[in-house]
PDB file of N, CA and C in Angstrom:
ATOM      1  N   MET A   1     -94.043-115.787 -78.647  1.00  0.00           N
ATOM      2  CA  MET A   1     -93.016-116.796 -78.631  1.00  0.00           C
ATOM      3  C   MET A   1     -91.926-116.425 -79.635  1.00  0.00           C
ATOM      4  N   ARG A   2     -90.668-116.589 -79.234  1.00  0.00           N
ATOM      5  CA  ARG A   2     -89.558-116.221 -80.091  1.00  0.00           C
ATOM      6  C   ARG A   2     -88.888-117.470 -80.634  1.00  0.00           C
ATOM      7  N   LYS A   3     -88.355-117.353 -81.853  1.00  0.00           N
ATOM      8  CA  LYS A   3     -87.746-118.482 -82.532  1.00  0.00           C
ATOM      9  C   LYS A   3     -86.354-118.093 -83.008  1.00  0.00           C
ATOM     10  N   LYS A   4     -85.395-118.998 -82.889  1.00  0.00           N
ATOM     11  CA  LYS A   4     -84.037-118.746 -83.359  1.00  0.00           C
ATOM     12  C   LYS A   4     -83.984-118.963 -84.864  1.00  0.00           C
ATOM     13  N   VAL A   5     -83.461-117.966 -85.601  1.00  0.00           N
ATOM     14  CA  VAL A   5     -83.332-118.058 -87.050  1.00  0.00           C
ATOM     15  C   VAL A   5     -81.884-117.809 -87.443  1.00  0.00           C
ATOM     16  N   ILE A   6     -81.486-118.360 -88.590  1.00  0.00           N
ATOM     17  CA  ILE A   6     -80.129-118.206 -89.102  1.00  0.00           C
ATOM     18  C   ILE A   6     -80.179-117.284 -90.312  1.00  0.00           C
ATOM     19  N   LEU A   7     -79.227-116.348 -90.385  1.00  0.00           N
ATOM     20  CA  LEU A   7     -79.160-115.397 -91.487  1.00  0.00           C
ATOM     21  C   LEU A   7     -78.016-115.769 -92.422  1.00  0.00           C
ATOM     22  N   ALA A   8     -78.273-115.750 -93.737  1.00  0.00           N
ATOM     23  CA  ALA A   8     -77.273-116.078 -94.741  1.00  0.00           C
ATOM     24  C   ALA A   8     -77.088-114.893 -95.673  1.00  0.00           C
ATOM     25  N   CYS A   9     -75.857-114.703 -96.131  1.00  0.00           N
ATOM     26  CA  CYS A   9     -75.534-113.624 -97.056  1.00  0.00           C
ATOM     27  C   CYS A   9     -76.221-113.867 -98.386  1.00  0.00           C
ATOM     28  N   SER A  10     -76.780-112.812 -98.979  1.00  0.00           N
ATOM     29  CA  SER A  10     -77.500-112.949-100.241  1.00  0.00           C
ATOM     30  C   SER A  10     -76.552-113.082-101.431  1.00  0.00           C
ATOM     31  N   GLN A  11     -75.284-112.682-101.286  1.00  0.00           N
ATOM     32  CA  GLN A  11     -74.342-112.759-102.402  1.00  0.00           C
ATOM     33  C   GLN A  11     -73.568-114.076-102.418  1.00  0.00           C
ATOM     34  N   CYS A  12     -73.013-114.478-101.277  1.00  0.00           N
ATOM     35  CA  CYS A  12     -72.167-115.682-101.242  1.00  0.00           C
ATOM     36  C   CYS A  12     -72.838-116.863-100.547  1.00  0.00           C
ATOM     37  N   ASN A  13     -74.035-116.662 -99.976  1.00  0.00           N
ATOM     38  CA  ASN A  13     -74.825-117.699 -99.306  1.00  0.00           C
ATOM     39  C   ASN A  13     -74.138-118.323 -98.099  1.00  0.00           C
ATOM     40  N   THR A  14     -73.218-117.607 -97.480  1.00  0.00           N
ATOM     41  CA  THR A  14     -72.570-118.065 -96.261  1.00  0.00           C
ATOM     42  C   THR A  14     -73.463-117.754 -95.076  1.00  0.00           C
ATOM     43  N   ARG A  15     -73.645-118.719 -94.190  1.00  0.00           N
ATOM     44  CA  ARG A  15     -74.474-118.517 -92.997  1.00  0.00           C
ATOM     45  C   ARG A  15     -73.599-117.924 -91.896  1.00  0.00           C
ATOM     46  N   ASN A  16     -73.790-116.623 -91.644  1.00  0.00           N
ATOM     47  CA  ASN A  16     -72.909-115.890 -90.743  1.00  0.00           C
ATOM     48  C   ASN A  16     -73.516-115.589 -89.382  1.00  0.00           C
ATOM     49  N   TYR A  17     -74.795-115.310 -89.319  1.00  0.00           N
ATOM     50  CA  TYR A  17     -75.412-114.789 -88.108  1.00  0.00           C
ATOM     51  C   TYR A  17     -76.611-115.612 -87.685  1.00  0.00           C
ATOM     52  N   SER A  18     -76.923-115.564 -86.398  1.00  0.00           N
ATOM     53  CA  SER A  18     -78.174-116.113 -85.882  1.00  0.00           C
ATOM     54  C   SER A  18     -78.794-115.065 -84.983  1.00  0.00           C
ATOM     55  N   THR A  19     -80.118-115.018 -84.968  1.00  0.00           N
ATOM     56  CA  THR A  19     -80.841-114.027 -84.191  1.00  0.00           C
ATOM     57  C   THR A  19     -82.177-114.615 -83.769  1.00  0.00           C
ATOM     58  N   MET A  20     -82.909-113.870 -82.952  1.00  0.00           N
ATOM     59  CA  MET A  20     -84.228-114.301 -82.508  1.00  0.00           C
ATOM     60  C   MET A  20     -85.294-113.518 -83.268  1.00  0.00           C
ATOM     61  N   LYS A  21     -86.415-114.200 -83.558  1.00  0.00           N
ATOM     62  CA  LYS A  21     -87.498-113.586 -84.312  1.00  0.00           C
ATOM     63  C   LYS A  21     -88.807-113.879 -83.597  1.00  0.00           C
ATOM     64  N   ASN A  22     -89.676-112.869 -83.535  1.00  0.00           N
ATOM     65  CA  ASN A  22     -90.991-113.028 -82.947  1.00  0.00           C
ATOM     66  C   ASN A  22     -91.898-113.712 -83.968  1.00  0.00           C
ATOM     67  N   THR A  23     -92.302-114.951 -83.697  1.00  0.00           N
ATOM     68  CA  THR A  23     -93.083-115.722 -84.660  1.00  0.00           C
ATOM     69  C   THR A  23     -94.587-115.522 -84.507  1.00  0.00           C
ATOM     70  N   ALA A  24     -95.017-114.832 -83.487  1.00  0.00           N
ATOM     71  CA  ALA A  24     -96.445-114.679 -83.241  1.00  0.00           C
ATOM     72  C   ALA A  24     -97.130-113.819 -84.303  1.00  0.00           C
ATOM     73  N   ASN A  25     -96.432-112.807 -84.829  1.00  0.00           N
ATOM     74  CA  ASN A  25     -97.105-111.901 -85.761  1.00  0.00           C
ATOM     75  C   ASN A  25     -96.329-111.646 -87.055  1.00  0.00           C
ATOM     76  N   THR A  26     -95.322-112.438 -87.376  1.00  0.00           N
ATOM     77  CA  THR A  26     -94.576-112.241 -88.621  1.00  0.00           C
ATOM     78  C   THR A  26     -94.559-113.521 -89.435  1.00  0.00           C
ATOM     79  N   GLN A  27     -94.892-113.411 -90.711  1.00  0.00           N
ATOM     80  CA  GLN A  27     -94.870-114.556 -91.618  1.00  0.00           C
ATOM     81  C   GLN A  27     -93.757-114.427 -92.655  1.00  0.00           C
ATOM     82  N   GLU A  28     -93.369-113.201 -92.986  1.00  0.00           N
ATOM     83  CA  GLU A  28     -92.347-113.003 -94.002  1.00  0.00           C
ATOM     84  C   GLU A  28     -90.948-113.224 -93.417  1.00  0.00           C
ATOM     85  N   ARG A  29     -89.985-113.409 -94.314  1.00  0.00           N
ATOM     86  CA  ARG A  29     -88.609-113.659 -93.886  1.00  0.00           C
ATOM     87  C   ARG A  29     -87.905-112.355 -93.536  1.00  0.00           C
ATOM     88  N   LEU A  30     -86.924-112.463 -92.664  1.00  0.00           N
ATOM     89  CA  LEU A  30     -86.160-111.320 -92.188  1.00  0.00           C
ATOM     90  C   LEU A  30     -85.111-110.923 -93.226  1.00  0.00           C
ATOM     91  N   ASP A  31     -84.922-109.631 -93.470  1.00  0.00           N
ATOM     92  CA  ASP A  31     -83.857-109.088 -94.320  1.00  0.00           C
ATOM     93  C   ASP A  31     -83.145-108.013 -93.528  1.00  0.00           C
ATOM     94  N   ILE A  32     -81.853-108.240 -93.247  1.00  0.00           N
ATOM     95  CA  ILE A  32     -81.068-107.287 -92.461  1.00  0.00           C
ATOM     96  C   ILE A  32     -79.747-107.041 -93.183  1.00  0.00           C
ATOM     97  N   LYS A  33     -79.319-105.789 -93.232  1.00  0.00           N
ATOM     98  CA  LYS A  33     -78.032-105.457 -93.823  1.00  0.00           C
ATOM     99  C   LYS A  33     -76.958-105.580 -92.750  1.00  0.00           C
ATOM    100  N   LYS A  34     -76.026-106.540 -92.942  1.00  0.00           N
ATOM    101  CA  LYS A  34     -74.978-106.803 -91.969  1.00  0.00           C
ATOM    102  C   LYS A  34     -73.655-107.008 -92.700  1.00  0.00           C
ATOM    103  N   PHE A  35     -72.553-107.049 -91.936  1.00  0.00           N
ATOM    104  CA  PHE A  35     -71.226-107.238 -92.514  1.00  0.00           C
ATOM    105  C   PHE A  35     -70.964-108.718 -92.754  1.00  0.00           C
ATOM    106  N   CYS A  36     -70.497-109.058 -93.947  1.00  0.00           N
ATOM    107  CA  CYS A  36     -70.139-110.431 -94.300  1.00  0.00           C
ATOM    108  C   CYS A  36     -68.614-110.537 -94.328  1.00  0.00           C
ATOM    109  N   LYS A  37     -68.056-111.467 -93.554  1.00  0.00           N
ATOM    110  CA  LYS A  37     -66.606-111.645 -93.506  1.00  0.00           C
ATOM    111  C   LYS A  37     -66.054-112.211 -94.803  1.00  0.00           C
ATOM    112  N   THR A  38     -66.845-113.033 -95.484  1.00  0.00           N
ATOM    113  CA  THR A  38     -66.391-113.650 -96.728  1.00  0.00           C
ATOM    114  C   THR A  38     -66.333-112.632 -97.862  1.00  0.00           C
ATOM    115  N   CYS A  39     -67.378-111.827 -97.993  1.00  0.00           N
ATOM    116  CA  CYS A  39     -67.427-110.789 -99.031  1.00  0.00           C
ATOM    117  C   CYS A  39     -66.622-109.557 -98.648  1.00  0.00           C
ATOM    118  N   ASN A  40     -66.383-109.379 -97.356  1.00  0.00           N
ATOM    119  CA  ASN A  40     -65.645-108.238 -96.807  1.00  0.00           C
ATOM    120  C   ASN A  40     -66.363-106.914 -97.087  1.00  0.00           C
ATOM    121  N   GLU A  41     -67.698-106.936 -97.008  1.00  0.00           N
ATOM    122  CA  GLU A  41     -68.503-105.728 -97.181  1.00  0.00           C
ATOM    123  C   GLU A  41     -69.876-105.936 -96.554  1.00  0.00           C
ATOM    124  N   HIS A  42     -70.638-104.857 -96.443  1.00  0.00           N
ATOM    125  CA  HIS A  42     -71.989-104.932 -95.909  1.00  0.00           C
ATOM    126  C   HIS A  42     -72.935-105.401 -97.010  1.00  0.00           C
ATOM    127  N   THR A  43     -73.664-106.482 -96.746  1.00  0.00           N
ATOM    128  CA  THR A  43     -74.603-107.045 -97.708  1.00  0.00           C
ATOM    129  C   THR A  43     -75.919-107.362 -97.002  1.00  0.00           C
ATOM    130  N   ILE A  44     -76.935-107.654 -97.778  1.00  0.00           N
ATOM    131  CA  ILE A  44     -78.237-108.065 -97.228  1.00  0.00           C
ATOM    132  C   ILE A  44     -78.127-109.517 -96.780  1.00  0.00           C
ATOM    133  N   HIS A  45     -78.548-109.784 -95.563  1.00  0.00           N
ATOM    134  CA  HIS A  45     -78.596-111.145 -95.033  1.00  0.00           C
ATOM    135  C   HIS A  45     -80.058-111.523 -94.860  1.00  0.00           C
ATOM    136  N   ARG A  46     -80.429-112.705 -95.394  1.00  0.00           N
ATOM    137  CA  ARG A  46     -81.812-113.172 -95.354  1.00  0.00           C
ATOM    138  C   ARG A  46     -81.934-114.389 -94.459  1.00  0.00           C
ATOM    139  N   GLU A  47     -83.115-114.534 -93.905  1.00  0.00           N
ATOM    140  CA  GLU A  47     -83.424-115.677 -93.066  1.00  0.00           C
ATOM    141  C   GLU A  47     -83.454-116.956 -93.904  1.00  0.00           C
ATOM    142  N   THR A  48     -82.829-118.024 -93.415  1.00  0.00           N
ATOM    143  CA  THR A  48     -82.838-119.311 -94.111  1.00  0.00           C
ATOM    144  C   THR A  48     -83.856-120.236 -93.468  1.00  0.00           C
ATOM    145  N   LYS A  49     -84.103-121.364 -94.089  1.00  0.00           N
ATOM    146  CA  LYS A  49     -85.036-122.343 -93.546  1.00  0.00           C
ATOM    147  C   LYS A  49     -84.386-123.123 -92.442  1.00  0.00           C
TER     148      LYS A  49
END
């Protein structure tokens, strides 16, 4: 089963992206390096609650 999660920038805490995550076998939060429009650079984006 897949779940929709929201990704937030680790530097400015802006919620920029949403993606799908497989919840059947993952317990830890997602960390993806993506482009942040607010910071104007590539930063780590983490899954929010």
